[in-house]
Amino acid sequence: MDQQRRKVQVALLSVISNSTLVCIKLAAGLLMGSVSILSEAIHSATDLLASFIALFSVKTSSQPPDSGHPFGHGKIENISGTIEALLIFLAAGWIIFEAIGKLMHPTVVETIGWGVAVMLFSTLVNMIVSKMLFRVARETDSVALEADAWHLRTDVYTSAGVTVSLVLIWAGEKVFPGRQFYWLDPVAAIAVALLIFKAAFDLVITSGRDLLDSRLPDQEEEWIVGIIKEHRSDVHGFHDLRTRKAGGFRFVEFHMKVDPLMTVGDSHRVTEEIADRIKERFPHTRVTIHTEPCDGSCNQKCMDGCLLPIKGKIDSKKRG
């Protein structure tokens, strides 16, 4: 419950900070006639929408399984990340469209000092909030919060780019009086859009992988196999290890070979010990272990996961 409360609180903080930045950037962009600042306002607006989606998903994904969703609601965080990525793609396309128009018909950028101040303020706020989102996302294994954090971290980079363009326009006017450098504003906006496209692509890969029920990372599966091998005194072998992830929830299942004379009580004890160890390392994991008697019928699948000392002798005979 404490983790869930922290997830909701930091998601709500993201909503508040993005709401404030949208208003400030929109006002500054309209006042200055800066397409790069207006593009940043649009970017923050997509961040705001993404924050609302993240807030909804972290609230919903924690709901326990029910009759209609026996595996829980964890994948709503992956859906949230995918939607956020699509929103970023749309925003980036709009920014490029507007910037090209400004390149063809340049406009004067006024009160540059205010623009620099707004962008620096935006960079500072988003850096602080994104760090908090990343920290809570790692601690709670939240895909939705990680996606929201990347939204804001991208905003940090793009705000810095817009700030540099405004400073260059100001410096160019001072060093080369009479010459116009307003084209730097839409060029910076296009650079912003390209960075946004890259962030959107990464989000699609990250969130979409678990929607397709991809297996857990190699290092996680290797750790799980190591836990099974620690119980080789009771476990003769294993096979059909299958893993997947939905939001912050993991699913692990495999078949476990035991002595045919082992009692039901002892086999249950072993499965509980293995499941508890896995859950200690990866909270919110559902572990399903199917127990089978090791009756000597060793096919290749069984041999690959065999933990009996005799396996080495059999392999040597095969090589001989």
C-alpha atoms as a PDB file:
ATOM      1  CA  MET A   1       0.000   0.000   0.000  1.00  0.00           C
ATOM      2  CA  ASP A   2       2.897   2.350   0.729  1.00  0.00           C
ATOM      3  CA  GLN A   3       4.372   1.767  -2.744  1.00  0.00           C
ATOM      4  CA  GLN A   4       0.988   2.349  -4.365  1.00  0.00           C
ATOM      5  CA  ARG A   5       0.527   5.606  -2.465  1.00  0.00           C
ATOM      6  CA  ARG A   6       3.957   6.816  -3.586  1.00  0.00           C
ATOM      7  CA  LYS A   7       3.176   5.959  -7.212  1.00  0.00           C
ATOM      8  CA  VAL A   8      -0.069   7.941  -7.104  1.00  0.00           C
ATOM      9  CA  GLN A   9       1.551  10.900  -5.336  1.00  0.00           C
ATOM     10  CA  VAL A  10       4.424  11.262  -7.810  1.00  0.00           C
ATOM     11  CA  ALA A  11       2.040  10.838 -10.772  1.00  0.00           C
ATOM     12  CA  LEU A  12      -0.138  13.607  -9.327  1.00  0.00           C
ATOM     13  CA  LEU A  13       2.935  15.818  -8.899  1.00  0.00           C
ATOM     14  CA  SER A  14       3.694  15.315 -12.601  1.00  0.00           C
ATOM     15  CA  VAL A  15       0.156  16.441 -13.498  1.00  0.00           C
ATOM     16  CA  ILE A  16       0.503  19.611 -11.404  1.00  0.00           C
ATOM     17  CA  SER A  17       3.958  20.556 -12.716  1.00  0.00           C
ATOM     18  CA  ASN A  18       2.977  19.978 -16.357  1.00  0.00           C
ATOM     19  CA  SER A  19      -0.207  22.019 -15.955  1.00  0.00           C
ATOM     20  CA  THR A  20       1.851  24.933 -14.663  1.00  0.00           C
ATOM     21  CA  LEU A  21       4.452  24.683 -17.442  1.00  0.00           C
ATOM     22  CA  VAL A  22       1.832  24.520 -20.208  1.00  0.00           C
ATOM     23  CA  CYS A  23       0.281  27.794 -19.042  1.00  0.00           C
ATOM     24  CA  ILE A  24       3.655  29.561 -18.656  1.00  0.00           C
ATOM     25  CA  LYS A  25       5.063  28.390 -22.017  1.00  0.00           C
ATOM     26  CA  LEU A  26       1.874  29.132 -23.911  1.00  0.00           C
ATOM     27  CA  ALA A  27       1.746  32.669 -22.538  1.00  0.00           C
ATOM     28  CA  ALA A  28       5.454  33.281 -23.265  1.00  0.00           C
ATOM     29  CA  GLY A  29       5.245  31.808 -26.785  1.00  0.00           C
ATOM     30  CA  LEU A  30       2.241  33.937 -27.767  1.00  0.00           C
ATOM     31  CA  LEU A  31       3.780  37.067 -26.251  1.00  0.00           C
ATOM     32  CA  MET A  32       7.120  36.566 -28.010  1.00  0.00           C
ATOM     33  CA  GLY A  33       5.871  35.052 -31.266  1.00  0.00           C
ATOM     34  CA  SER A  34       8.332  32.167 -30.793  1.00  0.00           C
ATOM     35  CA  VAL A  35       7.414  28.941 -32.568  1.00  0.00           C
ATOM     36  CA  SER A  36      10.028  27.003 -30.600  1.00  0.00           C
ATOM     37  CA  ILE A  37       8.489  28.062 -27.285  1.00  0.00           C
ATOM     38  CA  LEU A  38       5.000  27.333 -28.637  1.00  0.00           C
ATOM     39  CA  SER A  39       6.284  23.925 -29.712  1.00  0.00           C
ATOM     40  CA  GLU A  40       7.529  23.429 -26.175  1.00  0.00           C
ATOM     41  CA  ALA A  41       4.048  24.371 -24.899  1.00  0.00           C
ATOM     42  CA  ILE A  42       2.562  21.695 -27.179  1.00  0.00           C
ATOM     43  CA  HIS A  43       5.177  19.241 -25.957  1.00  0.00           C
ATOM     44  CA  SER A  44       4.282  20.020 -22.344  1.00  0.00           C
ATOM     45  CA  ALA A  45       0.607  19.629 -23.221  1.00  0.00           C
ATOM     46  CA  THR A  46       1.307  16.085 -24.435  1.00  0.00           C
ATOM     47  CA  ASP A  47       3.309  15.556 -21.252  1.00  0.00           C
ATOM     48  CA  LEU A  48       0.271  16.716 -19.279  1.00  0.00           C
ATOM     49  CA  LEU A  49      -2.017  14.295 -21.084  1.00  0.00           C
ATOM     50  CA  ALA A  50       0.550  11.546 -20.577  1.00  0.00           C
ATOM     51  CA  SER A  51       0.673  12.386 -16.867  1.00  0.00           C
ATOM     52  CA  PHE A  52      -3.101  12.018 -16.604  1.00  0.00           C
ATOM     53  CA  ILE A  53      -2.874   8.656 -18.388  1.00  0.00           C
ATOM     54  CA  ALA A  54      -0.033   7.561 -16.070  1.00  0.00           C
ATOM     55  CA  LEU A  55      -2.033   8.634 -13.008  1.00  0.00           C
ATOM     56  CA  PHE A  56      -5.049   6.629 -14.195  1.00  0.00           C
ATOM     57  CA  SER A  57      -2.938   3.568 -15.050  1.00  0.00           C
ATOM     58  CA  VAL A  58      -1.044   3.392 -11.735  1.00  0.00           C
ATOM     59  CA  LYS A  59      -4.360   3.605  -9.889  1.00  0.00           C
ATOM     60  CA  THR A  60      -5.971   0.904 -12.040  1.00  0.00           C
ATOM     61  CA  SER A  61      -3.048  -1.506 -12.435  1.00  0.00           C
ATOM     62  CA  SER A  62      -2.871  -2.128  -8.687  1.00  0.00           C
ATOM     63  CA  GLN A  63      -6.416  -3.512  -8.545  1.00  0.00           C
ATOM     64  CA  PRO A  64      -6.413  -7.213  -7.603  1.00  0.00           C
ATOM     65  CA  PRO A  65      -7.410  -9.922 -10.111  1.00  0.00           C
ATOM     66  CA  ASP A  66     -11.115 -10.442 -10.618  1.00  0.00           C
ATOM     67  CA  SER A  67     -13.364 -12.823 -12.541  1.00  0.00           C
ATOM     68  CA  GLY A  68     -12.948 -10.840 -15.740  1.00  0.00           C
ATOM     69  CA  HIS A  69      -9.197 -10.295 -15.331  1.00  0.00           C
ATOM     70  CA  PRO A  70      -7.790 -13.385 -13.579  1.00  0.00           C
ATOM     71  CA  PHE A  71      -4.181 -12.306 -14.294  1.00  0.00           C
ATOM     72  CA  GLY A  72      -4.706  -8.821 -12.863  1.00  0.00           C
ATOM     73  CA  HIS A  73      -4.611  -5.389 -14.503  1.00  0.00           C
ATOM     74  CA  GLY A  74      -0.856  -4.895 -14.853  1.00  0.00           C
ATOM     75  CA  LYS A  75      -0.829  -4.547 -18.642  1.00  0.00           C
ATOM     76  CA  ILE A  76      -2.738  -1.284 -18.416  1.00  0.00           C
ATOM     77  CA  GLU A  77       0.642   0.313 -17.623  1.00  0.00           C
ATOM     78  CA  ASN A  78       2.055  -1.064 -20.884  1.00  0.00           C
ATOM     79  CA  ILE A  79      -0.983   0.228 -22.772  1.00  0.00           C
ATOM     80  CA  SER A  80      -0.455   3.592 -21.085  1.00  0.00           C
ATOM     81  CA  GLY A  81       3.160   3.722 -22.265  1.00  0.00           C
ATOM     82  CA  THR A  82       2.149   2.872 -25.837  1.00  0.00           C
ATOM     83  CA  ILE A  83      -0.535   5.576 -25.903  1.00  0.00           C
ATOM     84  CA  GLU A  84       1.940   8.102 -24.515  1.00  0.00           C
ATOM     85  CA  ALA A  85       4.395   7.236 -27.289  1.00  0.00           C
ATOM     86  CA  LEU A  86       1.720   7.748 -29.967  1.00  0.00           C
ATOM     87  CA  LEU A  87       0.891  11.144 -28.467  1.00  0.00           C
ATOM     88  CA  ILE A  88       4.554  12.121 -28.706  1.00  0.00           C
ATOM     89  CA  PHE A  89       4.653  11.114 -32.389  1.00  0.00           C
ATOM     90  CA  LEU A  90       1.615  13.315 -33.121  1.00  0.00           C
ATOM     91  CA  ALA A  91       3.047  16.269 -31.224  1.00  0.00           C
ATOM     92  CA  ALA A  92       6.385  15.993 -33.016  1.00  0.00           C
ATOM     93  CA  GLY A  93       4.656  15.940 -36.402  1.00  0.00           C
ATOM     94  CA  TRP A  94       2.690  19.088 -35.559  1.00  0.00           C
ATOM     95  CA  ILE A  95       5.862  20.861 -34.390  1.00  0.00           C
ATOM     96  CA  ILE A  96       7.682  20.103 -37.652  1.00  0.00           C
ATOM     97  CA  PHE A  97       4.687  21.310 -39.686  1.00  0.00           C
ATOM     98  CA  GLU A  98       4.579  24.626 -37.818  1.00  0.00           C
ATOM     99  CA  ALA A  99       8.351  25.069 -37.927  1.00  0.00           C
ATOM    100  CA  ILE A 100       8.492  24.601 -41.703  1.00  0.00           C
ATOM    101  CA  GLY A 101       5.840  27.296 -42.040  1.00  0.00           C
ATOM    102  CA  LYS A 102       7.944  29.640 -39.911  1.00  0.00           C
ATOM    103  CA  LEU A 103      11.040  28.901 -42.008  1.00  0.00           C
ATOM    104  CA  MET A 104       9.131  29.902 -45.133  1.00  0.00           C
ATOM    105  CA  HIS A 105       7.657  32.979 -43.459  1.00  0.00           C
ATOM    106  CA  PRO A 106       9.992  34.103 -40.621  1.00  0.00           C
ATOM    107  CA  THR A 107       8.551  36.213 -37.805  1.00  0.00           C
ATOM    108  CA  VAL A 108      10.261  38.464 -35.275  1.00  0.00           C
ATOM    109  CA  VAL A 109      10.993  36.924 -31.881  1.00  0.00           C
ATOM    110  CA  GLU A 110      10.528  39.560 -29.167  1.00  0.00           C
ATOM    111  CA  THR A 111      11.454  39.802 -25.467  1.00  0.00           C
ATOM    112  CA  ILE A 112      14.017  37.027 -25.780  1.00  0.00           C
ATOM    113  CA  GLY A 113      15.108  37.451 -22.161  1.00  0.00           C
ATOM    114  CA  TRP A 114      11.702  36.325 -20.920  1.00  0.00           C
ATOM    115  CA  GLY A 115      11.855  33.311 -23.216  1.00  0.00           C
ATOM    116  CA  VAL A 116      15.229  32.252 -21.827  1.00  0.00           C
ATOM    117  CA  ALA A 117      13.921  32.639 -18.270  1.00  0.00           C
ATOM    118  CA  VAL A 118      10.837  30.503 -19.034  1.00  0.00           C
ATOM    119  CA  MET A 119      12.923  27.769 -20.645  1.00  0.00           C
ATOM    120  CA  LEU A 120      15.423  27.676 -17.781  1.00  0.00           C
ATOM    121  CA  PHE A 121      12.569  27.454 -15.273  1.00  0.00           C
ATOM    122  CA  SER A 122      10.995  24.627 -17.300  1.00  0.00           C
ATOM    123  CA  THR A 123      14.317  22.764 -17.465  1.00  0.00           C
ATOM    124  CA  LEU A 124      14.791  22.979 -13.689  1.00  0.00           C
ATOM    125  CA  VAL A 125      11.239  21.864 -12.839  1.00  0.00           C
ATOM    126  CA  ASN A 126      11.242  18.954 -15.282  1.00  0.00           C
ATOM    127  CA  MET A 127      14.671  17.792 -14.147  1.00  0.00           C
ATOM    128  CA  ILE A 128      13.505  17.623 -10.515  1.00  0.00           C
ATOM    129  CA  VAL A 129      10.164  15.935 -11.268  1.00  0.00           C
ATOM    130  CA  SER A 130      11.654  13.461 -13.773  1.00  0.00           C
ATOM    131  CA  LYS A 131      14.270  12.382 -11.221  1.00  0.00           C
ATOM    132  CA  MET A 132      11.502  11.690  -8.719  1.00  0.00           C
ATOM    133  CA  LEU A 133       9.507   9.760 -11.332  1.00  0.00           C
ATOM    134  CA  PHE A 134      12.533   7.672 -12.345  1.00  0.00           C
ATOM    135  CA  ARG A 135      13.333   6.854  -8.711  1.00  0.00           C
ATOM    136  CA  VAL A 136       9.788   5.734  -7.847  1.00  0.00           C
ATOM    137  CA  ALA A 137       9.479   3.898 -11.195  1.00  0.00           C
ATOM    138  CA  ARG A 138      12.605   1.860 -10.414  1.00  0.00           C
ATOM    139  CA  GLU A 139      11.547   1.161  -6.837  1.00  0.00           C
ATOM    140  CA  THR A 140       8.019   0.073  -7.828  1.00  0.00           C
ATOM    141  CA  ASP A 141       8.864  -1.357 -11.288  1.00  0.00           C
ATOM    142  CA  SER A 142       6.241   0.897 -12.896  1.00  0.00           C
ATOM    143  CA  VAL A 143       6.282   1.090 -16.704  1.00  0.00           C
ATOM    144  CA  ALA A 144       3.767   3.964 -16.712  1.00  0.00           C
ATOM    145  CA  LEU A 145       5.850   6.133 -14.386  1.00  0.00           C
ATOM    146  CA  GLU A 146       9.010   5.355 -16.352  1.00  0.00           C
ATOM    147  CA  ALA A 147       7.283   6.470 -19.553  1.00  0.00           C
ATOM    148  CA  ASP A 148       6.104   9.650 -17.849  1.00  0.00           C
ATOM    149  CA  ALA A 149       9.635  10.256 -16.579  1.00  0.00           C
ATOM    150  CA  TRP A 150      11.033   9.926 -20.101  1.00  0.00           C
ATOM    151  CA  HIS A 151       8.432  12.440 -21.290  1.00  0.00           C
ATOM    152  CA  LEU A 152       9.753  15.001 -18.841  1.00  0.00           C
ATOM    153  CA  ARG A 153      13.409  14.120 -19.393  1.00  0.00           C
ATOM    154  CA  THR A 154      12.918  14.693 -23.131  1.00  0.00           C
ATOM    155  CA  ASP A 155      11.363  18.042 -22.239  1.00  0.00           C
ATOM    156  CA  VAL A 156      14.536  18.896 -20.313  1.00  0.00           C
ATOM    157  CA  TYR A 157      16.679  18.340 -23.406  1.00  0.00           C
ATOM    158  CA  THR A 158      14.332  20.174 -25.752  1.00  0.00           C
ATOM    159  CA  SER A 159      13.925  23.135 -23.395  1.00  0.00           C
ATOM    160  CA  ALA A 160      17.699  23.419 -23.257  1.00  0.00           C
ATOM    161  CA  GLY A 161      17.805  23.384 -27.075  1.00  0.00           C
ATOM    162  CA  VAL A 162      15.229  26.172 -27.327  1.00  0.00           C
ATOM    163  CA  THR A 163      17.147  28.188 -24.729  1.00  0.00           C
ATOM    164  CA  VAL A 164      20.335  27.889 -26.796  1.00  0.00           C
ATOM    165  CA  SER A 165      18.518  29.024 -29.965  1.00  0.00           C
ATOM    166  CA  LEU A 166      17.099  32.094 -28.212  1.00  0.00           C
ATOM    167  CA  VAL A 167      20.510  32.997 -26.814  1.00  0.00           C
ATOM    168  CA  LEU A 168      22.060  32.614 -30.289  1.00  0.00           C
ATOM    169  CA  ILE A 169      19.395  34.898 -31.796  1.00  0.00           C
ATOM    170  CA  TRP A 170      20.119  37.514 -29.130  1.00  0.00           C
ATOM    171  CA  ALA A 171      23.899  37.180 -29.536  1.00  0.00           C
ATOM    172  CA  GLY A 172      23.657  37.301 -33.341  1.00  0.00           C
ATOM    173  CA  GLU A 173      21.718  40.557 -33.213  1.00  0.00           C
ATOM    174  CA  LYS A 174      24.368  42.068 -30.917  1.00  0.00           C
ATOM    175  CA  VAL A 175      27.394  40.901 -32.894  1.00  0.00           C
ATOM    176  CA  PHE A 176      25.894  41.473 -36.351  1.00  0.00           C
ATOM    177  CA  PRO A 177      23.523  44.442 -36.061  1.00  0.00           C
ATOM    178  CA  GLY A 178      20.906  44.606 -38.789  1.00  0.00           C
ATOM    179  CA  ARG A 179      21.070  40.926 -39.625  1.00  0.00           C
ATOM    180  CA  GLN A 180      18.218  38.590 -38.697  1.00  0.00           C
ATOM    181  CA  PHE A 181      18.689  35.196 -37.088  1.00  0.00           C
ATOM    182  CA  TYR A 182      15.030  34.362 -36.477  1.00  0.00           C
ATOM    183  CA  TRP A 183      15.396  31.241 -38.627  1.00  0.00           C
ATOM    184  CA  LEU A 184      17.229  29.678 -35.677  1.00  0.00           C
ATOM    185  CA  ASP A 185      13.907  29.528 -33.792  1.00  0.00           C
ATOM    186  CA  PRO A 186      12.111  27.104 -36.175  1.00  0.00           C
ATOM    187  CA  VAL A 187      15.344  25.161 -36.735  1.00  0.00           C
ATOM    188  CA  ALA A 188      15.524  24.590 -32.981  1.00  0.00           C
ATOM    189  CA  ALA A 189      11.867  23.517 -33.047  1.00  0.00           C
ATOM    190  CA  ILE A 190      12.653  20.897 -35.715  1.00  0.00           C
ATOM    191  CA  ALA A 191      15.576  19.632 -33.635  1.00  0.00           C
ATOM    192  CA  VAL A 192      13.177  19.381 -30.688  1.00  0.00           C
ATOM    193  CA  ALA A 193      10.763  17.329 -32.801  1.00  0.00           C
ATOM    194  CA  LEU A 194      13.497  14.909 -33.891  1.00  0.00           C
ATOM    195  CA  LEU A 195      14.464  14.292 -30.263  1.00  0.00           C
ATOM    196  CA  ILE A 196      10.803  13.704 -29.463  1.00  0.00           C
ATOM    197  CA  PHE A 197      10.517  11.154 -32.290  1.00  0.00           C
ATOM    198  CA  LYS A 198      13.480   9.245 -30.845  1.00  0.00           C
ATOM    199  CA  ALA A 199      11.945   9.215 -27.348  1.00  0.00           C
ATOM    200  CA  ALA A 200       8.607   8.029 -28.760  1.00  0.00           C
ATOM    201  CA  PHE A 201      10.264   5.167 -30.621  1.00  0.00           C
ATOM    202  CA  ASP A 202      12.067   4.012 -27.464  1.00  0.00           C
ATOM    203  CA  LEU A 203       8.804   4.130 -25.505  1.00  0.00           C
ATOM    204  CA  VAL A 204       7.016   2.008 -28.103  1.00  0.00           C
ATOM    205  CA  ILE A 205       9.734  -0.660 -27.864  1.00  0.00           C
ATOM    206  CA  THR A 206       9.742  -0.649 -24.056  1.00  0.00           C
ATOM    207  CA  SER A 207       5.981  -0.721 -23.501  1.00  0.00           C
ATOM    208  CA  GLY A 208       5.130  -2.922 -26.491  1.00  0.00           C
ATOM    209  CA  ARG A 209       7.553  -5.702 -25.547  1.00  0.00           C
ATOM    210  CA  ASP A 210       5.512  -6.773 -22.515  1.00  0.00           C
ATOM    211  CA  LEU A 211       2.228  -6.432 -24.390  1.00  0.00           C
ATOM    212  CA  LEU A 212       3.519  -9.244 -26.635  1.00  0.00           C
ATOM    213  CA  ASP A 213       4.341 -11.384 -23.569  1.00  0.00           C
ATOM    214  CA  SER A 214       8.079 -11.397 -24.191  1.00  0.00           C
ATOM    215  CA  ARG A 215      10.150 -13.409 -21.715  1.00  0.00           C
ATOM    216  CA  LEU A 216      11.911 -11.751 -18.808  1.00  0.00           C
ATOM    217  CA  PRO A 217      15.472 -10.442 -19.376  1.00  0.00           C
ATOM    218  CA  ASP A 218      18.215 -13.085 -19.489  1.00  0.00           C
ATOM    219  CA  GLN A 219      19.721 -12.049 -16.150  1.00  0.00           C
ATOM    220  CA  GLU A 220      16.366 -12.432 -14.399  1.00  0.00           C
ATOM    221  CA  GLU A 221      15.717 -15.880 -15.876  1.00  0.00           C
ATOM    222  CA  GLU A 222      19.274 -16.962 -14.993  1.00  0.00           C
ATOM    223  CA  TRP A 223      18.674 -15.895 -11.394  1.00  0.00           C
ATOM    224  CA  ILE A 224      15.441 -17.935 -11.274  1.00  0.00           C
ATOM    225  CA  VAL A 225      17.252 -20.994 -12.668  1.00  0.00           C
ATOM    226  CA  GLY A 226      19.923 -20.494  -9.999  1.00  0.00           C
ATOM    227  CA  ILE A 227      17.282 -20.623  -7.260  1.00  0.00           C
ATOM    228  CA  ILE A 228      15.913 -23.891  -8.671  1.00  0.00           C
ATOM    229  CA  LYS A 229      19.425 -25.379  -8.738  1.00  0.00           C
ATOM    230  CA  GLU A 230      19.951 -24.424  -5.092  1.00  0.00           C
ATOM    231  CA  HIS A 231      17.264 -27.017  -4.293  1.00  0.00           C
ATOM    232  CA  ARG A 232      18.938 -29.837  -6.238  1.00  0.00           C
ATOM    233  CA  SER A 233      18.858 -32.027  -3.111  1.00  0.00           C
ATOM    234  CA  ASP A 234      15.077 -32.231  -3.577  1.00  0.00           C
ATOM    235  CA  VAL A 235      14.657 -31.274  -7.239  1.00  0.00           C
ATOM    236  CA  HIS A 236      15.846 -33.770  -9.850  1.00  0.00           C
ATOM    237  CA  GLY A 237      15.305 -31.391 -12.775  1.00  0.00           C
ATOM    238  CA  PHE A 238      13.036 -28.863 -14.435  1.00  0.00           C
ATOM    239  CA  HIS A 239      11.746 -27.962 -17.893  1.00  0.00           C
ATOM    240  CA  ASP A 240       9.340 -25.687 -19.766  1.00  0.00           C
ATOM    241  CA  LEU A 241      10.388 -22.543 -17.910  1.00  0.00           C
ATOM    242  CA  ARG A 242       8.145 -19.718 -19.135  1.00  0.00           C
ATOM    243  CA  THR A 243       8.210 -16.113 -17.957  1.00  0.00           C
ATOM    244  CA  ARG A 244       6.502 -12.865 -18.863  1.00  0.00           C
ATOM    245  CA  LYS A 245       5.753  -9.444 -17.447  1.00  0.00           C
ATOM    246  CA  ALA A 246       2.679  -7.197 -17.280  1.00  0.00           C
ATOM    247  CA  GLY A 247       3.317  -3.725 -15.905  1.00  0.00           C
ATOM    248  CA  GLY A 248       5.044  -4.273 -12.562  1.00  0.00           C
ATOM    249  CA  PHE A 249       3.822  -7.866 -12.282  1.00  0.00           C
ATOM    250  CA  ARG A 250       5.849 -10.941 -13.298  1.00  0.00           C
ATOM    251  CA  PHE A 251       4.643 -14.438 -14.104  1.00  0.00           C
ATOM    252  CA  VAL A 252       6.917 -17.472 -13.739  1.00  0.00           C
ATOM    253  CA  GLU A 253       5.951 -21.078 -14.425  1.00  0.00           C
ATOM    254  CA  PHE A 254       7.860 -24.336 -14.930  1.00  0.00           C
ATOM    255  CA  HIS A 255       7.655 -28.110 -14.475  1.00  0.00           C
ATOM    256  CA  MET A 256       9.674 -29.575 -11.599  1.00  0.00           C
ATOM    257  CA  LYS A 257      10.893 -33.181 -11.465  1.00  0.00           C
ATOM    258  CA  VAL A 258      11.073 -34.843  -8.012  1.00  0.00           C
ATOM    259  CA  ASP A 259      11.596 -38.317  -6.565  1.00  0.00           C
ATOM    260  CA  PRO A 260       8.521 -40.455  -7.318  1.00  0.00           C
ATOM    261  CA  LEU A 261       8.447 -41.495  -3.649  1.00  0.00           C
ATOM    262  CA  MET A 262       8.407 -37.925  -2.342  1.00  0.00           C
ATOM    263  CA  THR A 263       5.244 -37.176  -0.377  1.00  0.00           C
ATOM    264  CA  VAL A 264       2.752 -34.575  -1.491  1.00  0.00           C
ATOM    265  CA  GLY A 265       3.563 -32.592   1.635  1.00  0.00           C
ATOM    266  CA  ASP A 266       7.302 -32.534   0.923  1.00  0.00           C
ATOM    267  CA  SER A 267       6.833 -31.569  -2.742  1.00  0.00           C
ATOM    268  CA  HIS A 268       4.514 -28.773  -1.635  1.00  0.00           C
ATOM    269  CA  ARG A 269       7.157 -27.564   0.819  1.00  0.00           C
ATOM    270  CA  VAL A 270       9.799 -27.420  -1.921  1.00  0.00           C
ATOM    271  CA  THR A 271       7.547 -25.509  -4.326  1.00  0.00           C
ATOM    272  CA  GLU A 272       6.683 -23.017  -1.570  1.00  0.00           C
ATOM    273  CA  GLU A 273      10.356 -22.473  -0.738  1.00  0.00           C
ATOM    274  CA  ILE A 274      11.263 -21.815  -4.377  1.00  0.00           C
ATOM    275  CA  ALA A 275       8.246 -19.562  -4.923  1.00  0.00           C
ATOM    276  CA  ASP A 276       9.002 -17.564  -1.765  1.00  0.00           C
ATOM    277  CA  ARG A 277      12.617 -16.998  -2.836  1.00  0.00           C
ATOM    278  CA  ILE A 278      11.518 -15.750  -6.259  1.00  0.00           C
ATOM    279  CA  LYS A 279       8.933 -13.423  -4.694  1.00  0.00           C
ATOM    280  CA  GLU A 280      11.526 -12.030  -2.291  1.00  0.00           C
ATOM    281  CA  ARG A 281      13.676 -11.004  -5.244  1.00  0.00           C
ATOM    282  CA  PHE A 282      10.795  -9.957  -7.510  1.00  0.00           C
ATOM    283  CA  PRO A 283       7.750  -8.760  -5.535  1.00  0.00           C
ATOM    284  CA  HIS A 284       4.339  -9.024  -7.214  1.00  0.00           C
ATOM    285  CA  THR A 285       5.291 -12.265  -8.976  1.00  0.00           C
ATOM    286  CA  ARG A 286       2.895 -15.133  -9.570  1.00  0.00           C
ATOM    287  CA  VAL A 287       4.799 -18.434  -9.511  1.00  0.00           C
ATOM    288  CA  THR A 288       3.193 -21.607 -10.884  1.00  0.00           C
ATOM    289  CA  ILE A 289       5.112 -24.886 -10.435  1.00  0.00           C
ATOM    290  CA  HIS A 290       3.849 -28.185 -11.849  1.00  0.00           C
ATOM    291  CA  THR A 291       5.352 -31.136  -9.959  1.00  0.00           C
ATOM    292  CA  GLU A 292       6.169 -34.357 -11.855  1.00  0.00           C
ATOM    293  CA  PRO A 293       7.747 -37.676 -10.819  1.00  0.00           C
ATOM    294  CA  CYS A 294      11.241 -38.320 -12.152  1.00  0.00           C
ATOM    295  CA  ASP A 295      10.496 -41.811 -13.508  1.00  0.00           C
ATOM    296  CA  GLY A 296      13.613 -42.325 -15.629  1.00  0.00           C
ATOM    297  CA  SER A 297      12.060 -41.528 -19.010  1.00  0.00           C
ATOM    298  CA  CYS A 298      14.675 -38.947 -20.002  1.00  0.00           C
ATOM    299  CA  ASN A 299      13.854 -37.116 -23.229  1.00  0.00           C
ATOM    300  CA  GLN A 300      15.999 -34.215 -24.484  1.00  0.00           C
ATOM    301  CA  LYS A 301      13.859 -31.580 -22.801  1.00  0.00           C
ATOM    302  CA  CYS A 302      14.227 -33.382 -19.484  1.00  0.00           C
ATOM    303  CA  MET A 303      17.987 -33.834 -19.946  1.00  0.00           C
ATOM    304  CA  ASP A 304      18.511 -30.110 -20.602  1.00  0.00           C
ATOM    305  CA  GLY A 305      17.210 -29.281 -17.135  1.00  0.00           C
ATOM    306  CA  CYS A 306      18.442 -32.389 -15.316  1.00  0.00           C
ATOM    307  CA  LEU A 307      20.058 -31.734 -11.926  1.00  0.00           C
ATOM    308  CA  LEU A 308      21.048 -35.329 -11.091  1.00  0.00           C
ATOM    309  CA  PRO A 309      24.777 -36.181 -10.828  1.00  0.00           C
ATOM    310  CA  ILE A 310      24.230 -39.083 -13.239  1.00  0.00           C
ATOM    311  CA  LYS A 311      23.536 -36.580 -16.041  1.00  0.00           C
ATOM    312  CA  GLY A 312      27.274 -36.013 -16.482  1.00  0.00           C
ATOM    313  CA  LYS A 313      27.865 -39.751 -16.897  1.00  0.00           C
ATOM    314  CA  ILE A 314      25.126 -40.033 -19.479  1.00  0.00           C
ATOM    315  CA  ASP A 315      26.546 -37.072 -21.418  1.00  0.00           C
ATOM    316  CA  SER A 316      30.004 -38.677 -21.366  1.00  0.00           C
ATOM    317  CA  LYS A 317      28.610 -41.921 -22.802  1.00  0.00           C
ATOM    318  CA  LYS A 318      26.916 -39.948 -25.558  1.00  0.00           C
ATOM    319  CA  ARG A 319      30.181 -38.221 -26.452  1.00  0.00           C
ATOM    320  CA  GLY A 320      31.989 -41.562 -26.406  1.00  0.00           C
END
